[in-house]
Amino acid sequence: MKVLVTGSSGFLGRHLVPRLQARRYDLILPRSREMDLMVFPQVEAYLTSHRPDVVVHSAAYYGGIGINQAEPANLFFRNTVMTANLFEAAARAGVKRIVPVGSACAYPGDIAGDMREEDFWAGRCHPSVEAYGFSKKLQMVGLTAYHKQYGVTFNHLVLTNLYGEYDEFGEYRSHAAAALIKRFVDAARDEKPEVTCWGDGSPIREFMYTGDAAEAIARTVEGPHDPEPMNIGTGIGTSIRELTEMICELTGYNGRVEWDASRPNGVARKVLDVGKMKGILGWRAEIPLREGLRRTIEWFRKNPS
C-alpha cells in the first residue's frame, strides 16, 4: 500500500514515519520544495504523478498561546489553504483514504469535564485558539464533503497536546511542555535564581508523548471509515503547575518559580475522553508523562539548537 505523509520531516512526522515503515508501507515523503501545500498546481501534479492509496496529513502551521495571539490570521489561512489544496488534489488523483491530524483546539471552549466526540460541534472554539482550532474543524467539513462526492474514506483524529523529541522549543512557537523544558534546562545550566512562567499554573492539560500519538495514527491507516471524530490522547489531566514542578525536578533546577498572572491561562481544562480510541484501536498510550519528559529533556540537552 502506498502511503503519502505530509509534514514527514516535522515534529510529529519524524515519529510517525518509523512506525509506518515498521508496517512495511510503501511511503511517499514529499518535501515542501517538491510539493508546496500552499500551491495547488504543485500538489495536484505531485499526487497525480505518485498516486498514493492513502494520505496522512500531519503538516500544519502551529504553536502555543503566543503565536495564537500574534498570528491568528496566518494560522487560519495557512492551515485552511493547505487542507483545501490537499483534499481537492487527492480526490482528483483518485486517493481512496485520507487520515488528517486534527487538534483538541477544535473543541468548544466552554466544555465542562472531559471532551467527548459528541461535543465536537457543541459550540465555538476558545478565543485563545479559535483561528487555529477552526481551521482544524474545517477538516471534518471537507472530509464529509469529499466522502459524499468522491467516496473518499477517512478518520478524523483529534490529538491532544503533544511533546517529545524534535518539537519546537523556541519561546514563540512552542507549546507548554516544550517551552517549559527549554526554560528550565537553560535556567539550570545558567544557575538562574528565578524563573517566571505564564499564567497562574491552574489550567489542566493533557500531555501525550509524540511517539504514542504516532503509534495511534499508524494504527488507523487501514481502519474502517468513520464519519465522526476520534480523540487521541491519554485521558489524564495535569495542571501546568504540576507539569512545571515535574520539569524542575527532572532538569535539576532548584531556584524559585514565579507566576505572571497577567499572562493568559487559556481554557481552564482541556482533557480528552479516549474511550472510543481504546475501544476501536484496542490500545492505550504507553509512555507515562514523567518518562516521556525525561526522554525529551535528554534529547533537548543534546540538541539545544
C-alpha atoms as a PDB file:
ATOM      1  CA  MET A   1       0.000   0.000   0.000  1.00  0.00           C
ATOM      2  CA  LYS A   2       1.316   3.441  -0.948  1.00  0.00           C
ATOM      3  CA  VAL A   3       1.005   5.966   1.898  1.00  0.00           C
ATOM      4  CA  LEU A   4       1.870   9.634   1.430  1.00  0.00           C
ATOM      5  CA  VAL A   5       2.721  11.607   4.577  1.00  0.00           C
ATOM      6  CA  THR A   6       2.667  15.402   4.641  1.00  0.00           C
ATOM      7  CA  GLY A   7       4.933  17.004   7.219  1.00  0.00           C
ATOM      8  CA  SER A   8       7.121  13.894   7.358  1.00  0.00           C
ATOM      9  CA  SER A   9      10.187  15.909   8.387  1.00  0.00           C
ATOM     10  CA  GLY A  10       8.353  17.790  11.130  1.00  0.00           C
ATOM     11  CA  PHE A  11       7.830  17.175  14.824  1.00  0.00           C
ATOM     12  CA  LEU A  12       5.086  14.569  14.530  1.00  0.00           C
ATOM     13  CA  GLY A  13       6.232  13.253  11.155  1.00  0.00           C
ATOM     14  CA  ARG A  14       9.629  12.180  12.462  1.00  0.00           C
ATOM     15  CA  HIS A  15       7.925   9.930  14.980  1.00  0.00           C
ATOM     16  CA  LEU A  16       5.287   8.731  12.540  1.00  0.00           C
ATOM     17  CA  VAL A  17       7.486   7.658   9.632  1.00  0.00           C
ATOM     18  CA  PRO A  18       9.377   4.884  11.535  1.00  0.00           C
ATOM     19  CA  ARG A  19       6.092   3.398  12.734  1.00  0.00           C
ATOM     20  CA  LEU A  20       4.717   3.327   9.201  1.00  0.00           C
ATOM     21  CA  GLN A  21       7.976   1.840   7.923  1.00  0.00           C
ATOM     22  CA  ALA A  22       7.692  -0.928  10.502  1.00  0.00           C
ATOM     23  CA  ARG A  23       4.353  -1.836   8.942  1.00  0.00           C
ATOM     24  CA  ARG A  24       6.095  -2.111   5.545  1.00  0.00           C
ATOM     25  CA  TYR A  25       4.031   0.516   3.764  1.00  0.00           C
ATOM     26  CA  ASP A  26       5.442   1.984   0.564  1.00  0.00           C
ATOM     27  CA  LEU A  27       5.985   5.519   1.861  1.00  0.00           C
ATOM     28  CA  ILE A  28       5.905   8.719  -0.178  1.00  0.00           C
ATOM     29  CA  LEU A  29       7.512  11.557   1.789  1.00  0.00           C
ATOM     30  CA  PRO A  30       7.425  14.822  -0.179  1.00  0.00           C
ATOM     31  CA  ARG A  31       9.369  17.848   0.987  1.00  0.00           C
ATOM     32  CA  SER A  32       7.912  21.323   0.571  1.00  0.00           C
ATOM     33  CA  ARG A  33      10.222  22.089  -2.364  1.00  0.00           C
ATOM     34  CA  GLU A  34       8.618  19.159  -4.193  1.00  0.00           C
ATOM     35  CA  MET A  35       5.026  19.678  -3.064  1.00  0.00           C
ATOM     36  CA  ASP A  36       4.277  23.052  -1.512  1.00  0.00           C
ATOM     37  CA  LEU A  37       0.859  22.587   0.078  1.00  0.00           C
ATOM     38  CA  MET A  38       0.124  26.280  -0.417  1.00  0.00           C
ATOM     39  CA  VAL A  39       0.400  25.925  -4.215  1.00  0.00           C
ATOM     40  CA  PHE A  40      -2.434  23.849  -5.686  1.00  0.00           C
ATOM     41  CA  PRO A  41      -0.845  23.046  -9.085  1.00  0.00           C
ATOM     42  CA  GLN A  42       2.200  21.573  -7.298  1.00  0.00           C
ATOM     43  CA  VAL A  43       0.041  19.470  -5.001  1.00  0.00           C
ATOM     44  CA  GLU A  44      -2.128  18.210  -7.853  1.00  0.00           C
ATOM     45  CA  ALA A  45       0.851  17.379 -10.076  1.00  0.00           C
ATOM     46  CA  TYR A  46       2.659  15.523  -7.283  1.00  0.00           C
ATOM     47  CA  LEU A  47      -0.334  13.434  -6.222  1.00  0.00           C
ATOM     48  CA  THR A  48      -1.289  12.662  -9.819  1.00  0.00           C
ATOM     49  CA  SER A  49       2.275  11.535 -10.502  1.00  0.00           C
ATOM     50  CA  HIS A  50       2.679   9.363  -7.377  1.00  0.00           C
ATOM     51  CA  ARG A  51      -0.955   8.218  -6.885  1.00  0.00           C
ATOM     52  CA  PRO A  52      -0.896   7.150  -3.222  1.00  0.00           C
ATOM     53  CA  ASP A  53      -3.620   4.915  -1.828  1.00  0.00           C
ATOM     54  CA  VAL A  54      -3.722   6.790   1.494  1.00  0.00           C
ATOM     55  CA  VAL A  55      -2.739  10.323   2.525  1.00  0.00           C
ATOM     56  CA  VAL A  56      -1.812  11.040   6.146  1.00  0.00           C
ATOM     57  CA  HIS A  57      -1.945  14.803   6.633  1.00  0.00           C
ATOM     58  CA  SER A  58       0.323  15.758   9.538  1.00  0.00           C
ATOM     59  CA  ALA A  59       1.674  19.043   8.165  1.00  0.00           C
ATOM     60  CA  ALA A  60       0.488  22.159   9.999  1.00  0.00           C
ATOM     61  CA  TYR A  61       1.444  25.686  10.955  1.00  0.00           C
ATOM     62  CA  TYR A  62       1.023  25.705  14.719  1.00  0.00           C
ATOM     63  CA  GLY A  63       2.239  26.957  18.065  1.00  0.00           C
ATOM     64  CA  GLY A  64       1.271  27.856  21.615  1.00  0.00           C
ATOM     65  CA  ILE A  65      -0.672  30.770  23.086  1.00  0.00           C
ATOM     66  CA  GLY A  66       1.939  33.295  21.925  1.00  0.00           C
ATOM     67  CA  ILE A  67       1.611  32.598  18.208  1.00  0.00           C
ATOM     68  CA  ASN A  68      -2.169  32.195  18.522  1.00  0.00           C
ATOM     69  CA  GLN A  69      -2.294  35.752  19.841  1.00  0.00           C
ATOM     70  CA  ALA A  70       0.170  37.212  17.339  1.00  0.00           C
ATOM     71  CA  GLU A  71      -0.763  35.367  14.124  1.00  0.00           C
ATOM     72  CA  PRO A  72      -4.392  34.210  14.167  1.00  0.00           C
ATOM     73  CA  ALA A  73      -4.906  35.144  10.506  1.00  0.00           C
ATOM     74  CA  ASN A  74      -1.754  33.299   9.404  1.00  0.00           C
ATOM     75  CA  LEU A  75      -2.762  30.214  11.379  1.00  0.00           C
ATOM     76  CA  PHE A  76      -6.231  30.201   9.854  1.00  0.00           C
ATOM     77  CA  PHE A  77      -5.140  30.982   6.288  1.00  0.00           C
ATOM     78  CA  ARG A  78      -2.170  28.658   6.002  1.00  0.00           C
ATOM     79  CA  ASN A  79      -3.817  25.634   7.591  1.00  0.00           C
ATOM     80  CA  THR A  80      -7.074  26.122   5.707  1.00  0.00           C
ATOM     81  CA  VAL A  81      -5.360  26.514   2.323  1.00  0.00           C
ATOM     82  CA  MET A  82      -3.097  23.506   2.894  1.00  0.00           C
ATOM     83  CA  THR A  83      -6.080  21.348   3.808  1.00  0.00           C
ATOM     84  CA  ALA A  84      -8.245  22.536   0.899  1.00  0.00           C
ATOM     85  CA  ASN A  85      -5.461  22.081  -1.651  1.00  0.00           C
ATOM     86  CA  LEU A  86      -4.582  18.615  -0.391  1.00  0.00           C
ATOM     87  CA  PHE A  87      -8.156  17.284  -0.214  1.00  0.00           C
ATOM     88  CA  GLU A  88      -9.081  18.555  -3.687  1.00  0.00           C
ATOM     89  CA  ALA A  89      -5.877  17.275  -5.297  1.00  0.00           C
ATOM     90  CA  ALA A  90      -6.223  13.912  -3.537  1.00  0.00           C
ATOM     91  CA  ALA A  91      -9.778  13.480  -4.818  1.00  0.00           C
ATOM     92  CA  ARG A  92      -8.751  14.352  -8.366  1.00  0.00           C
ATOM     93  CA  ALA A  93      -5.837  11.895  -8.168  1.00  0.00           C
ATOM     94  CA  GLY A  94      -8.100   9.055  -7.040  1.00  0.00           C
ATOM     95  CA  VAL A  95      -6.821   8.773  -3.462  1.00  0.00           C
ATOM     96  CA  LYS A  96      -9.093   6.359  -1.596  1.00  0.00           C
ATOM     97  CA  ARG A  97      -8.425   7.358   2.001  1.00  0.00           C
ATOM     98  CA  ILE A  98      -7.312  10.432   3.981  1.00  0.00           C
ATOM     99  CA  VAL A  99      -6.243  10.471   7.645  1.00  0.00           C
ATOM    100  CA  PRO A 100      -5.785  14.085   8.791  1.00  0.00           C
ATOM    101  CA  VAL A 101      -4.297  15.116  12.113  1.00  0.00           C
ATOM    102  CA  GLY A 102      -6.742  17.334  13.979  1.00  0.00           C
ATOM    103  CA  SER A 103      -6.451  19.120  17.302  1.00  0.00           C
ATOM    104  CA  ALA A 104      -8.281  19.392  20.612  1.00  0.00           C
ATOM    105  CA  CYS A 105      -8.257  23.162  19.959  1.00  0.00           C
ATOM    106  CA  ALA A 106     -11.208  22.471  17.634  1.00  0.00           C
ATOM    107  CA  TYR A 107     -13.458  21.619  20.582  1.00  0.00           C
ATOM    108  CA  PRO A 108     -15.792  24.231  22.096  1.00  0.00           C
ATOM    109  CA  GLY A 109     -14.065  26.345  24.701  1.00  0.00           C
ATOM    110  CA  ASP A 110     -16.704  26.016  27.417  1.00  0.00           C
ATOM    111  CA  ILE A 111     -16.942  22.242  27.848  1.00  0.00           C
ATOM    112  CA  ALA A 112     -17.092  21.107  31.469  1.00  0.00           C
ATOM    113  CA  GLY A 113     -15.311  17.822  32.100  1.00  0.00           C
ATOM    114  CA  ASP A 114     -13.537  15.654  29.563  1.00  0.00           C
ATOM    115  CA  MET A 115     -14.045  16.436  25.875  1.00  0.00           C
ATOM    116  CA  ARG A 116     -16.152  13.766  24.164  1.00  0.00           C
ATOM    117  CA  GLU A 117     -16.515  13.266  20.430  1.00  0.00           C
ATOM    118  CA  GLU A 118     -20.237  14.029  20.608  1.00  0.00           C
ATOM    119  CA  ASP A 119     -19.338  17.533  21.907  1.00  0.00           C
ATOM    120  CA  PHE A 120     -17.230  18.389  18.845  1.00  0.00           C
ATOM    121  CA  TRP A 121     -19.904  20.637  17.281  1.00  0.00           C
ATOM    122  CA  ALA A 122     -21.436  21.918  20.521  1.00  0.00           C
ATOM    123  CA  GLY A 123     -20.067  25.474  20.375  1.00  0.00           C
ATOM    124  CA  ARG A 124     -17.285  27.905  19.426  1.00  0.00           C
ATOM    125  CA  CYS A 125     -13.616  27.245  19.951  1.00  0.00           C
ATOM    126  CA  HIS A 126     -11.934  29.010  22.851  1.00  0.00           C
ATOM    127  CA  PRO A 127     -10.985  32.603  21.857  1.00  0.00           C
ATOM    128  CA  SER A 128      -7.310  31.965  22.672  1.00  0.00           C
ATOM    129  CA  VAL A 129      -7.019  29.315  19.910  1.00  0.00           C
ATOM    130  CA  GLU A 130     -10.096  29.968  17.769  1.00  0.00           C
ATOM    131  CA  ALA A 131      -8.382  30.637  14.429  1.00  0.00           C
ATOM    132  CA  TYR A 132      -6.199  27.533  14.597  1.00  0.00           C
ATOM    133  CA  GLY A 133      -8.922  25.386  16.115  1.00  0.00           C
ATOM    134  CA  PHE A 134     -11.477  26.317  13.472  1.00  0.00           C
ATOM    135  CA  SER A 135      -9.000  25.569  10.662  1.00  0.00           C
ATOM    136  CA  LYS A 136      -8.841  22.036  12.094  1.00  0.00           C
ATOM    137  CA  LYS A 137     -12.622  21.867  12.460  1.00  0.00           C
ATOM    138  CA  LEU A 138     -12.861  22.618   8.742  1.00  0.00           C
ATOM    139  CA  GLN A 139     -11.108  19.316   8.068  1.00  0.00           C
ATOM    140  CA  MET A 140     -14.226  17.471   9.212  1.00  0.00           C
ATOM    141  CA  VAL A 141     -16.449  19.509   6.886  1.00  0.00           C
ATOM    142  CA  GLY A 142     -14.093  18.887   3.989  1.00  0.00           C
ATOM    143  CA  LEU A 143     -13.763  15.171   4.650  1.00  0.00           C
ATOM    144  CA  THR A 144     -17.521  14.739   4.796  1.00  0.00           C
ATOM    145  CA  ALA A 145     -17.919  16.612   1.509  1.00  0.00           C
ATOM    146  CA  TYR A 146     -15.251  14.594  -0.312  1.00  0.00           C
ATOM    147  CA  HIS A 147     -16.695  11.359   1.009  1.00  0.00           C
ATOM    148  CA  LYS A 148     -20.127  12.273  -0.333  1.00  0.00           C
ATOM    149  CA  GLN A 149     -18.891  13.400  -3.745  1.00  0.00           C
ATOM    150  CA  TYR A 150     -15.855  11.201  -4.367  1.00  0.00           C
ATOM    151  CA  GLY A 151     -16.218   8.298  -1.954  1.00  0.00           C
ATOM    152  CA  VAL A 152     -13.005   9.143  -0.089  1.00  0.00           C
ATOM    153  CA  THR A 153     -12.963   7.368   3.292  1.00  0.00           C
ATOM    154  CA  PHE A 154     -11.439   8.966   6.356  1.00  0.00           C
ATOM    155  CA  ASN A 155     -10.789   9.041  10.082  1.00  0.00           C
ATOM    156  CA  HIS A 156     -10.510  12.470  11.665  1.00  0.00           C
ATOM    157  CA  LEU A 157      -8.093  12.167  14.583  1.00  0.00           C
ATOM    158  CA  VAL A 158      -8.350  14.815  17.312  1.00  0.00           C
ATOM    159  CA  LEU A 159      -4.966  14.971  19.034  1.00  0.00           C
ATOM    160  CA  THR A 160      -4.284  16.320  22.481  1.00  0.00           C
ATOM    161  CA  ASN A 161      -1.169  18.354  23.438  1.00  0.00           C
ATOM    162  CA  LEU A 162       1.968  16.581  22.225  1.00  0.00           C
ATOM    163  CA  TYR A 163       5.549  16.754  23.444  1.00  0.00           C
ATOM    164  CA  GLY A 164       8.716  14.867  22.619  1.00  0.00           C
ATOM    165  CA  GLU A 165      11.869  14.883  20.564  1.00  0.00           C
ATOM    166  CA  TYR A 166      12.033  17.224  17.519  1.00  0.00           C
ATOM    167  CA  ASP A 167       9.450  19.604  18.990  1.00  0.00           C
ATOM    168  CA  GLU A 168       9.547  23.395  18.587  1.00  0.00           C
ATOM    169  CA  PHE A 169      11.362  24.654  21.686  1.00  0.00           C
ATOM    170  CA  GLY A 170      11.614  28.349  20.829  1.00  0.00           C
ATOM    171  CA  GLU A 171       9.578  30.656  23.046  1.00  0.00           C
ATOM    172  CA  TYR A 172       7.445  31.992  20.174  1.00  0.00           C
ATOM    173  CA  ARG A 173       6.135  28.756  18.624  1.00  0.00           C
ATOM    174  CA  SER A 174       6.438  26.205  21.398  1.00  0.00           C
ATOM    175  CA  HIS A 175       3.601  24.570  23.311  1.00  0.00           C
ATOM    176  CA  ALA A 176       3.579  24.455  27.112  1.00  0.00           C
ATOM    177  CA  ALA A 177       5.727  21.368  27.715  1.00  0.00           C
ATOM    178  CA  ALA A 178       8.442  22.296  25.203  1.00  0.00           C
ATOM    179  CA  ALA A 179       8.548  25.916  26.370  1.00  0.00           C
ATOM    180  CA  LEU A 180       8.937  24.843  29.998  1.00  0.00           C
ATOM    181  CA  ILE A 181      11.601  22.279  29.169  1.00  0.00           C
ATOM    182  CA  LYS A 182      13.730  24.859  27.386  1.00  0.00           C
ATOM    183  CA  ARG A 183      13.166  27.440  30.100  1.00  0.00           C
ATOM    184  CA  PHE A 184      14.252  25.167  32.945  1.00  0.00           C
ATOM    185  CA  VAL A 185      17.076  23.405  31.115  1.00  0.00           C
ATOM    186  CA  ASP A 186      18.525  26.844  30.365  1.00  0.00           C
ATOM    187  CA  ALA A 187      17.879  28.079  33.894  1.00  0.00           C
ATOM    188  CA  ALA A 188      19.566  25.034  35.472  1.00  0.00           C
ATOM    189  CA  ARG A 189      22.558  25.424  33.170  1.00  0.00           C
ATOM    190  CA  ASP A 190      22.897  29.154  33.852  1.00  0.00           C
ATOM    191  CA  GLU A 191      22.080  28.786  37.581  1.00  0.00           C
ATOM    192  CA  LYS A 192      19.328  31.392  37.400  1.00  0.00           C
ATOM    193  CA  PRO A 193      17.832  32.163  40.822  1.00  0.00           C
ATOM    194  CA  GLU A 194      14.312  32.667  39.462  1.00  0.00           C
ATOM    195  CA  VAL A 195      12.134  31.662  36.503  1.00  0.00           C
ATOM    196  CA  THR A 196       8.844  33.338  35.585  1.00  0.00           C
ATOM    197  CA  CYS A 197       6.060  31.290  33.961  1.00  0.00           C
ATOM    198  CA  TRP A 198       2.899  32.450  32.201  1.00  0.00           C
ATOM    199  CA  GLY A 199      -0.465  32.483  33.962  1.00  0.00           C
ATOM    200  CA  ASP A 200      -1.140  31.147  37.431  1.00  0.00           C
ATOM    201  CA  GLY A 201      -0.421  27.456  36.813  1.00  0.00           C
ATOM    202  CA  SER A 202      -4.009  26.337  37.360  1.00  0.00           C
ATOM    203  CA  PRO A 203      -5.095  25.220  33.853  1.00  0.00           C
ATOM    204  CA  ILE A 204      -5.463  21.472  33.429  1.00  0.00           C
ATOM    205  CA  ARG A 205      -3.952  19.990  30.288  1.00  0.00           C
ATOM    206  CA  GLU A 206      -3.371  16.546  28.847  1.00  0.00           C
ATOM    207  CA  PHE A 207       0.110  15.673  27.568  1.00  0.00           C
ATOM    208  CA  MET A 208       0.831  12.821  25.188  1.00  0.00           C
ATOM    209  CA  TYR A 209       4.270  11.647  24.152  1.00  0.00           C
ATOM    210  CA  THR A 210       4.534  12.111  20.394  1.00  0.00           C
ATOM    211  CA  GLY A 211       5.684   8.553  19.840  1.00  0.00           C
ATOM    212  CA  ASP A 212       2.395   7.341  21.316  1.00  0.00           C
ATOM    213  CA  ALA A 213       0.408   9.703  19.091  1.00  0.00           C
ATOM    214  CA  ALA A 214       2.323   8.427  16.067  1.00  0.00           C
ATOM    215  CA  GLU A 215       1.510   4.841  17.005  1.00  0.00           C
ATOM    216  CA  ALA A 216      -2.187   5.678  17.232  1.00  0.00           C
ATOM    217  CA  ILE A 217      -2.121   7.349  13.809  1.00  0.00           C
ATOM    218  CA  ALA A 218      -0.302   4.387  12.255  1.00  0.00           C
ATOM    219  CA  ARG A 219      -2.992   2.054  13.605  1.00  0.00           C
ATOM    220  CA  THR A 220      -5.716   3.996  11.745  1.00  0.00           C
ATOM    221  CA  VAL A 221      -4.165   3.926   8.251  1.00  0.00           C
ATOM    222  CA  GLU A 222      -6.150   0.827   7.302  1.00  0.00           C
ATOM    223  CA  GLY A 223      -9.029   1.406   9.705  1.00  0.00           C
ATOM    224  CA  PRO A 224     -12.706   1.495   8.740  1.00  0.00           C
ATOM    225  CA  HIS A 225     -14.332   4.707   7.526  1.00  0.00           C
ATOM    226  CA  ASP A 226     -15.756   6.749  10.402  1.00  0.00           C
ATOM    227  CA  PRO A 227     -17.797   9.922   9.802  1.00  0.00           C
ATOM    228  CA  GLU A 228     -17.247  11.062  13.400  1.00  0.00           C
ATOM    229  CA  PRO A 229     -14.014  12.309  15.015  1.00  0.00           C
ATOM    230  CA  MET A 230     -11.875  10.140  17.279  1.00  0.00           C
ATOM    231  CA  ASN A 231      -9.906  11.540  20.216  1.00  0.00           C
ATOM    232  CA  ILE A 232      -6.252  10.595  20.512  1.00  0.00           C
ATOM    233  CA  GLY A 233      -4.759  11.190  23.942  1.00  0.00           C
ATOM    234  CA  THR A 234      -4.048   9.778  27.394  1.00  0.00           C
ATOM    235  CA  GLY A 235      -7.228  10.877  29.169  1.00  0.00           C
ATOM    236  CA  ILE A 236      -5.092  12.100  32.088  1.00  0.00           C
ATOM    237  CA  GLY A 237      -5.181  15.728  33.195  1.00  0.00           C
ATOM    238  CA  THR A 238      -2.165  17.524  34.687  1.00  0.00           C
ATOM    239  CA  SER A 239      -2.086  21.125  35.889  1.00  0.00           C
ATOM    240  CA  ILE A 240       0.523  23.441  34.402  1.00  0.00           C
ATOM    241  CA  ARG A 241       1.860  23.923  37.930  1.00  0.00           C
ATOM    242  CA  GLU A 242       2.270  20.150  38.380  1.00  0.00           C
ATOM    243  CA  LEU A 243       3.950  19.894  34.982  1.00  0.00           C
ATOM    244  CA  THR A 244       6.320  22.703  35.949  1.00  0.00           C
ATOM    245  CA  GLU A 245       7.256  21.025  39.208  1.00  0.00           C
ATOM    246  CA  MET A 246       7.962  17.768  37.391  1.00  0.00           C
ATOM    247  CA  ILE A 247      10.169  19.502  34.820  1.00  0.00           C
ATOM    248  CA  CYS A 248      12.033  21.373  37.578  1.00  0.00           C
ATOM    249  CA  GLU A 249      12.808  18.060  39.232  1.00  0.00           C
ATOM    250  CA  LEU A 250      13.887  16.337  36.017  1.00  0.00           C
ATOM    251  CA  THR A 251      16.106  19.227  34.909  1.00  0.00           C
ATOM    252  CA  GLY A 252      17.639  19.680  38.344  1.00  0.00           C
ATOM    253  CA  TYR A 253      16.509  23.288  38.673  1.00  0.00           C
ATOM    254  CA  ASN A 254      16.436  24.414  42.312  1.00  0.00           C
ATOM    255  CA  GLY A 255      15.600  28.126  42.016  1.00  0.00           C
ATOM    256  CA  ARG A 256      12.314  29.952  42.576  1.00  0.00           C
ATOM    257  CA  VAL A 257       9.349  29.745  40.229  1.00  0.00           C
ATOM    258  CA  GLU A 258       7.211  32.866  39.903  1.00  0.00           C
ATOM    259  CA  TRP A 259       3.848  33.033  38.099  1.00  0.00           C
ATOM    260  CA  ASP A 260       2.864  36.024  35.965  1.00  0.00           C
ATOM    261  CA  ALA A 261      -0.918  36.122  36.310  1.00  0.00           C
ATOM    262  CA  SER A 262      -1.122  38.996  33.804  1.00  0.00           C
ATOM    263  CA  ARG A 263      -0.333  36.460  31.082  1.00  0.00           C
ATOM    264  CA  PRO A 264      -3.212  34.379  29.650  1.00  0.00           C
ATOM    265  CA  ASN A 265      -4.067  30.942  31.026  1.00  0.00           C
ATOM    266  CA  GLY A 266      -6.127  29.818  28.059  1.00  0.00           C
ATOM    267  CA  VAL A 267      -9.068  27.467  28.574  1.00  0.00           C
ATOM    268  CA  ALA A 268      -9.328  26.195  32.167  1.00  0.00           C
ATOM    269  CA  ARG A 269      -9.403  22.479  31.314  1.00  0.00           C
ATOM    270  CA  LYS A 270      -8.590  20.543  28.159  1.00  0.00           C
ATOM    271  CA  VAL A 271      -8.602  16.751  28.609  1.00  0.00           C
ATOM    272  CA  LEU A 272      -9.964  14.254  26.089  1.00  0.00           C
ATOM    273  CA  ASP A 273     -12.246  11.307  26.707  1.00  0.00           C
ATOM    274  CA  VAL A 274     -10.326   8.488  24.993  1.00  0.00           C
ATOM    275  CA  GLY A 275     -12.822   5.644  25.434  1.00  0.00           C
ATOM    276  CA  LYS A 276     -13.537   5.468  21.705  1.00  0.00           C
ATOM    277  CA  MET A 277      -9.825   5.264  20.865  1.00  0.00           C
ATOM    278  CA  LYS A 278      -9.269   2.425  23.326  1.00  0.00           C
ATOM    279  CA  GLY A 279     -12.285   0.523  22.021  1.00  0.00           C
ATOM    280  CA  ILE A 280     -11.554   0.878  18.290  1.00  0.00           C
ATOM    281  CA  LEU A 281      -7.760   0.592  18.375  1.00  0.00           C
ATOM    282  CA  GLY A 282      -7.575  -1.855  21.277  1.00  0.00           C
ATOM    283  CA  TRP A 283      -4.688   0.243  22.548  1.00  0.00           C
ATOM    284  CA  ARG A 284      -3.848   2.980  25.016  1.00  0.00           C
ATOM    285  CA  ALA A 285      -0.955   5.421  25.403  1.00  0.00           C
ATOM    286  CA  GLU A 286       2.082   3.603  26.755  1.00  0.00           C
ATOM    287  CA  ILE A 287       4.626   6.233  27.847  1.00  0.00           C
ATOM    288  CA  PRO A 288       3.963   7.845  31.268  1.00  0.00           C
ATOM    289  CA  LEU A 289       4.387  11.612  31.443  1.00  0.00           C
ATOM    290  CA  ARG A 290       7.492  11.506  33.646  1.00  0.00           C
ATOM    291  CA  GLU A 291       9.268   9.049  31.345  1.00  0.00           C
ATOM    292  CA  GLY A 292       8.300  10.994  28.219  1.00  0.00           C
ATOM    293  CA  LEU A 293       9.548  14.229  29.755  1.00  0.00           C
ATOM    294  CA  ARG A 294      12.806  12.562  30.782  1.00  0.00           C
ATOM    295  CA  ARG A 295      13.385  11.385  27.188  1.00  0.00           C
ATOM    296  CA  THR A 296      12.541  14.803  25.797  1.00  0.00           C
ATOM    297  CA  ILE A 297      14.795  16.662  28.224  1.00  0.00           C
ATOM    298  CA  GLU A 298      17.659  14.294  27.473  1.00  0.00           C
ATOM    299  CA  TRP A 299      17.180  14.815  23.723  1.00  0.00           C
ATOM    300  CA  PHE A 300      16.924  18.604  24.055  1.00  0.00           C
ATOM    301  CA  ARG A 301      20.130  18.805  26.057  1.00  0.00           C
ATOM    302  CA  LYS A 302      21.906  17.009  23.207  1.00  0.00           C
ATOM    303  CA  ASN A 303      20.171  19.137  20.543  1.00  0.00           C
ATOM    304  CA  PRO A 304      19.807  22.634  22.030  1.00  0.00           C
ATOM    305  CA  SER A 305      19.693  24.339  18.618  1.00  0.00           C
END
